[in-house]
Structure formats: C-alpha cells, structure tokens
Amino acid sequence: MAALVRREPWIHTWTDEDGIQRQAKIHYTRDDREVVWDPRWIGDEEPWFDSATETWRYEDAELVTLGDPNAPGFGLVAPDEEYDEENS
C-alpha cells in the first residue's frame, strides 16, 4: 500500500451559464475521491456525491476531511487503496 497522504477540503468556484458565480466545498473520501454535499432527501445516509462516477455515494464516516483538522488521522487517505465497486 502506498504512503498515506494528507488532504484538506477546498472551495471550487465557477460561473454558470447565467453568469452567476457558484461555489462548492470539495471533500475527500478515504480512497481519495473528490465528493460534494448533495443529499437526495432529508436524512440521506449517503449525502456525499462523486460526480466523476455519477453513481457512487458516500456517508460521513467515509470522508477524511470532516471534523477537527487537528485530530489524529484527519485528512489521511490511501490513494492506492482498492475500492470494492460491487459495494458502491
């Protein structure tokens, strides 16, 4: 397994087709995927959406960029960790 990498959330800014500037906070999962907060309904257990796949969803516990940045293990991901696609 590769060395662990520390990740921090970041802000993505863009201008939509109507000229309105938008922002989204990008977070990282344990397997180093970029996700955004996009719940499907109130109380959604997997509110984090991976737009690169358009089908994979994540719960809060799978993110490494939530919580106290000073906590041990905050932001540590394994970029080469294999993900079981059947459980997505």
N, C-alpha and C. Protein backbone atom coordinates (compact mmCIF):
# COMPACT_ATOMS: atom_id res chain seq x y z
N MET A 1 0.84 -1.17 0.00
CA MET A 1 0.00 0.00 0.00
C MET A 1 0.90 1.25 0.00
N ALA A 2 0.47 2.26 -0.70
CA ALA A 2 1.24 3.49 -0.82
C ALA A 2 1.22 4.27 0.50
N ALA A 3 2.13 5.21 0.58
CA ALA A 3 2.18 6.07 1.76
C ALA A 3 0.90 6.88 1.88
N LEU A 4 0.53 7.19 3.11
CA LEU A 4 -0.68 7.97 3.34
C LEU A 4 -0.43 9.43 2.97
N VAL A 5 -1.47 10.07 2.48
CA VAL A 5 -1.41 11.46 2.04
C VAL A 5 -2.43 12.26 2.84
N ARG A 6 -2.06 13.47 3.26
CA ARG A 6 -3.00 14.33 3.99
C ARG A 6 -3.74 15.21 2.99
N ARG A 7 -5.07 15.25 3.10
CA ARG A 7 -5.92 16.05 2.23
C ARG A 7 -6.69 17.07 3.05
N GLU A 8 -6.94 18.21 2.48
CA GLU A 8 -7.76 19.25 3.09
C GLU A 8 -8.90 19.56 2.13
N PRO A 9 -10.08 19.90 2.64
CA PRO A 9 -11.16 20.31 1.73
C PRO A 9 -10.79 21.63 1.06
N TRP A 10 -11.37 21.87 -0.12
CA TRP A 10 -11.08 23.11 -0.83
C TRP A 10 -12.35 23.62 -1.51
N ILE A 11 -12.36 24.88 -1.89
CA ILE A 11 -13.53 25.52 -2.49
C ILE A 11 -13.34 25.59 -4.01
N HIS A 12 -14.30 25.06 -4.73
CA HIS A 12 -14.32 25.15 -6.20
C HIS A 12 -15.29 26.27 -6.58
N THR A 13 -14.85 27.22 -7.38
CA THR A 13 -15.67 28.34 -7.81
C THR A 13 -15.80 28.32 -9.32
N TRP A 14 -17.01 28.54 -9.81
CA TRP A 14 -17.25 28.60 -11.26
C TRP A 14 -18.39 29.56 -11.54
N THR A 15 -18.52 29.95 -12.80
CA THR A 15 -19.61 30.81 -13.23
C THR A 15 -20.53 29.98 -14.12
N ASP A 16 -21.82 29.93 -13.78
CA ASP A 16 -22.76 29.11 -14.55
C ASP A 16 -23.16 29.82 -15.84
N GLU A 17 -23.98 29.15 -16.65
CA GLU A 17 -24.38 29.69 -17.95
C GLU A 17 -25.18 31.00 -17.86
N ASP A 18 -25.74 31.29 -16.70
CA ASP A 18 -26.47 32.55 -16.49
C ASP A 18 -25.58 33.66 -15.95
N GLY A 19 -24.28 33.38 -15.82
CA GLY A 19 -23.35 34.39 -15.32
C GLY A 19 -23.31 34.51 -13.81
N ILE A 20 -23.92 33.55 -13.11
CA ILE A 20 -23.94 33.56 -11.65
C ILE A 20 -22.74 32.77 -11.13
N GLN A 21 -21.99 33.39 -10.22
CA GLN A 21 -20.84 32.69 -9.65
C GLN A 21 -21.31 31.73 -8.57
N ARG A 22 -20.87 30.49 -8.66
CA ARG A 22 -21.25 29.43 -7.72
C ARG A 22 -20.01 28.90 -7.01
N GLN A 23 -20.23 28.28 -5.85
CA GLN A 23 -19.14 27.64 -5.12
C GLN A 23 -19.61 26.31 -4.54
N ALA A 24 -18.68 25.39 -4.43
CA ALA A 24 -18.93 24.11 -3.76
C ALA A 24 -17.68 23.74 -2.99
N LYS A 25 -17.87 23.21 -1.79
CA LYS A 25 -16.74 22.75 -0.99
C LYS A 25 -16.48 21.29 -1.35
N ILE A 26 -15.28 21.03 -1.81
CA ILE A 26 -14.89 19.68 -2.24
C ILE A 26 -14.22 18.97 -1.07
N HIS A 27 -14.72 17.77 -0.77
CA HIS A 27 -14.14 16.94 0.29
C HIS A 27 -13.54 15.69 -0.33
N TYR A 28 -12.76 14.96 0.47
CA TYR A 28 -12.12 13.73 0.00
C TYR A 28 -12.58 12.53 0.82
N THR A 29 -12.69 11.40 0.13
CA THR A 29 -13.02 10.14 0.79
C THR A 29 -11.73 9.42 1.17
N ARG A 30 -11.88 8.36 1.94
CA ARG A 30 -10.74 7.56 2.37
C ARG A 30 -9.96 6.99 1.18
N ASP A 31 -10.66 6.71 0.07
CA ASP A 31 -9.98 6.19 -1.12
C ASP A 31 -9.65 7.30 -2.13
N ASP A 32 -9.57 8.54 -1.64
CA ASP A 32 -9.07 9.70 -2.38
C ASP A 32 -9.97 10.12 -3.55
N ARG A 33 -11.27 10.04 -3.35
CA ARG A 33 -12.21 10.54 -4.36
C ARG A 33 -12.72 11.90 -3.92
N GLU A 34 -12.94 12.80 -4.88
CA GLU A 34 -13.49 14.12 -4.59
C GLU A 34 -15.02 14.02 -4.57
N VAL A 35 -15.64 14.52 -3.50
CA VAL A 35 -17.09 14.45 -3.37
C VAL A 35 -17.64 15.80 -2.91
N VAL A 36 -18.93 16.02 -3.19
CA VAL A 36 -19.62 17.22 -2.74
C VAL A 36 -20.87 16.82 -1.98
N TRP A 37 -21.33 17.73 -1.12
CA TRP A 37 -22.56 17.52 -0.34
C TRP A 37 -23.74 17.65 -1.29
N ASP A 38 -24.49 16.59 -1.48
CA ASP A 38 -25.63 16.59 -2.39
C ASP A 38 -26.63 15.53 -1.94
N PRO A 39 -27.29 15.74 -0.78
CA PRO A 39 -28.24 14.75 -0.30
C PRO A 39 -29.44 14.62 -1.24
N ARG A 40 -29.94 13.40 -1.36
CA ARG A 40 -31.09 13.13 -2.24
C ARG A 40 -32.40 13.42 -1.53
N TRP A 41 -32.42 13.35 -0.20
CA TRP A 41 -33.61 13.60 0.60
C TRP A 41 -33.16 13.93 2.02
N ILE A 42 -34.06 14.46 2.83
CA ILE A 42 -33.74 14.77 4.23
C ILE A 42 -33.41 13.47 4.95
N GLY A 43 -32.29 13.45 5.65
CA GLY A 43 -31.86 12.26 6.38
C GLY A 43 -31.12 11.24 5.52
N ASP A 44 -30.73 11.62 4.31
CA ASP A 44 -29.98 10.72 3.43
C ASP A 44 -28.74 10.22 4.14
N GLU A 45 -28.56 8.91 4.22
CA GLU A 45 -27.40 8.33 4.92
C GLU A 45 -26.13 8.41 4.08
N GLU A 46 -26.27 8.63 2.78
CA GLU A 46 -25.12 8.80 1.89
C GLU A 46 -25.26 10.12 1.11
N PRO A 47 -25.06 11.24 1.80
CA PRO A 47 -25.31 12.54 1.17
C PRO A 47 -24.16 13.06 0.30
N TRP A 48 -23.03 12.35 0.27
CA TRP A 48 -21.86 12.82 -0.47
C TRP A 48 -21.82 12.16 -1.85
N PHE A 49 -21.67 12.99 -2.89
CA PHE A 49 -21.79 12.55 -4.27
C PHE A 49 -20.45 12.68 -5.00
N ASP A 50 -20.08 11.63 -5.72
CA ASP A 50 -18.87 11.61 -6.54
C ASP A 50 -19.29 11.86 -7.99
N SER A 51 -19.10 13.08 -8.48
CA SER A 51 -19.57 13.42 -9.82
C SER A 51 -18.74 12.75 -10.92
N ALA A 52 -17.56 12.26 -10.60
CA ALA A 52 -16.74 11.58 -11.61
C ALA A 52 -17.39 10.26 -12.04
N THR A 53 -18.12 9.63 -11.13
CA THR A 53 -18.75 8.36 -11.47
C THR A 53 -20.26 8.50 -11.68
N GLU A 54 -20.85 9.51 -11.08
CA GLU A 54 -22.28 9.79 -11.13
C GLU A 54 -23.15 8.72 -10.46
N THR A 55 -22.54 7.71 -9.87
CA THR A 55 -23.34 6.68 -9.19
C THR A 55 -22.84 6.40 -7.77
N TRP A 56 -21.59 6.69 -7.47
CA TRP A 56 -21.07 6.37 -6.15
C TRP A 56 -21.46 7.43 -5.16
N ARG A 57 -21.92 7.01 -3.99
CA ARG A 57 -22.33 7.89 -2.91
C ARG A 57 -21.58 7.46 -1.65
N TYR A 58 -21.40 8.40 -0.73
CA TYR A 58 -20.63 8.13 0.49
C TYR A 58 -21.34 8.69 1.71
N GLU A 59 -21.07 8.07 2.85
CA GLU A 59 -21.59 8.57 4.13
C GLU A 59 -20.49 9.37 4.82
N ASP A 60 -20.88 10.11 5.86
CA ASP A 60 -19.93 10.98 6.57
C ASP A 60 -18.70 10.22 7.05
N ALA A 61 -18.87 9.02 7.54
CA ALA A 61 -17.75 8.25 8.10
C ALA A 61 -16.68 7.91 7.07
N GLU A 62 -17.01 7.96 5.79
CA GLU A 62 -16.05 7.63 4.74
C GLU A 62 -15.21 8.82 4.29
N LEU A 63 -15.48 10.00 4.83
CA LEU A 63 -14.73 11.19 4.47
C LEU A 63 -13.59 11.42 5.44
N VAL A 64 -12.47 11.89 4.92
CA VAL A 64 -11.31 12.19 5.76
C VAL A 64 -11.15 13.69 5.96
N THR A 65 -12.05 14.48 5.42
CA THR A 65 -11.95 15.94 5.51
C THR A 65 -13.06 16.55 6.36
N LEU A 66 -13.75 15.75 7.14
CA LEU A 66 -14.75 16.25 8.08
C LEU A 66 -14.20 16.18 9.48
N GLY A 67 -14.59 17.11 10.31
CA GLY A 67 -14.19 17.07 11.71
C GLY A 67 -13.07 18.05 12.01
N ASP A 68 -12.39 17.83 13.11
CA ASP A 68 -11.34 18.71 13.60
C ASP A 68 -10.04 18.44 12.84
N PRO A 69 -9.51 19.43 12.12
CA PRO A 69 -8.25 19.22 11.38
C PRO A 69 -7.06 18.87 12.26
N ASN A 70 -7.16 19.14 13.57
CA ASN A 70 -6.06 18.82 14.47
C ASN A 70 -6.17 17.41 15.06
N ALA A 71 -7.26 16.72 14.77
CA ALA A 71 -7.44 15.37 15.30
C ALA A 71 -6.49 14.39 14.60
N PRO A 72 -6.02 13.39 15.34
CA PRO A 72 -5.14 12.39 14.72
C PRO A 72 -5.84 11.71 13.55
N GLY A 73 -5.15 11.60 12.44
CA GLY A 73 -5.71 10.91 11.28
C GLY A 73 -6.57 11.78 10.38
N PHE A 74 -6.83 13.02 10.78
CA PHE A 74 -7.65 13.88 9.93
C PHE A 74 -6.94 14.10 8.60
N GLY A 75 -7.66 13.86 7.52
CA GLY A 75 -7.11 14.13 6.20
C GLY A 75 -6.14 13.11 5.67
N LEU A 76 -5.98 11.97 6.33
CA LEU A 76 -5.06 10.96 5.83
C LEU A 76 -5.81 9.98 4.94
N VAL A 77 -5.37 9.87 3.71
CA VAL A 77 -6.00 8.95 2.77
C VAL A 77 -4.96 8.02 2.19
N ALA A 78 -5.41 6.89 1.68
CA ALA A 78 -4.54 5.95 0.99
C ALA A 78 -4.92 5.99 -0.49
N PRO A 79 -4.22 6.77 -1.31
CA PRO A 79 -4.64 6.96 -2.69
C PRO A 79 -4.65 5.69 -3.53
N ASP A 80 -3.89 4.69 -3.17
CA ASP A 80 -3.86 3.46 -3.96
C ASP A 80 -4.75 2.36 -3.39
N GLU A 81 -5.53 2.70 -2.37
CA GLU A 81 -6.41 1.70 -1.76
C GLU A 81 -7.46 1.24 -2.78
N GLU A 82 -7.64 -0.06 -2.88
CA GLU A 82 -8.61 -0.57 -3.83
C GLU A 82 -10.01 -0.42 -3.26
N TYR A 83 -10.95 -0.10 -4.12
CA TYR A 83 -12.34 0.09 -3.72
C TYR A 83 -13.18 -1.02 -4.33
N ASP A 84 -14.01 -1.64 -3.52
CA ASP A 84 -14.87 -2.72 -3.98
C ASP A 84 -16.05 -2.11 -4.74
N GLU A 85 -15.97 -2.13 -6.09
CA GLU A 85 -17.00 -1.50 -6.90
C GLU A 85 -18.37 -2.15 -6.75
N GLU A 86 -18.42 -3.39 -6.33
CA GLU A 86 -19.69 -4.07 -6.17
C GLU A 86 -20.47 -3.51 -4.98
N ASN A 87 -19.80 -2.85 -4.04
CA ASN A 87 -20.46 -2.29 -2.87
C ASN A 87 -20.77 -0.81 -3.04
N SER A 88 -20.70 -0.30 -4.25
CA SER A 88 -20.97 1.12 -4.46
C SER A 88 -22.45 1.38 -4.60
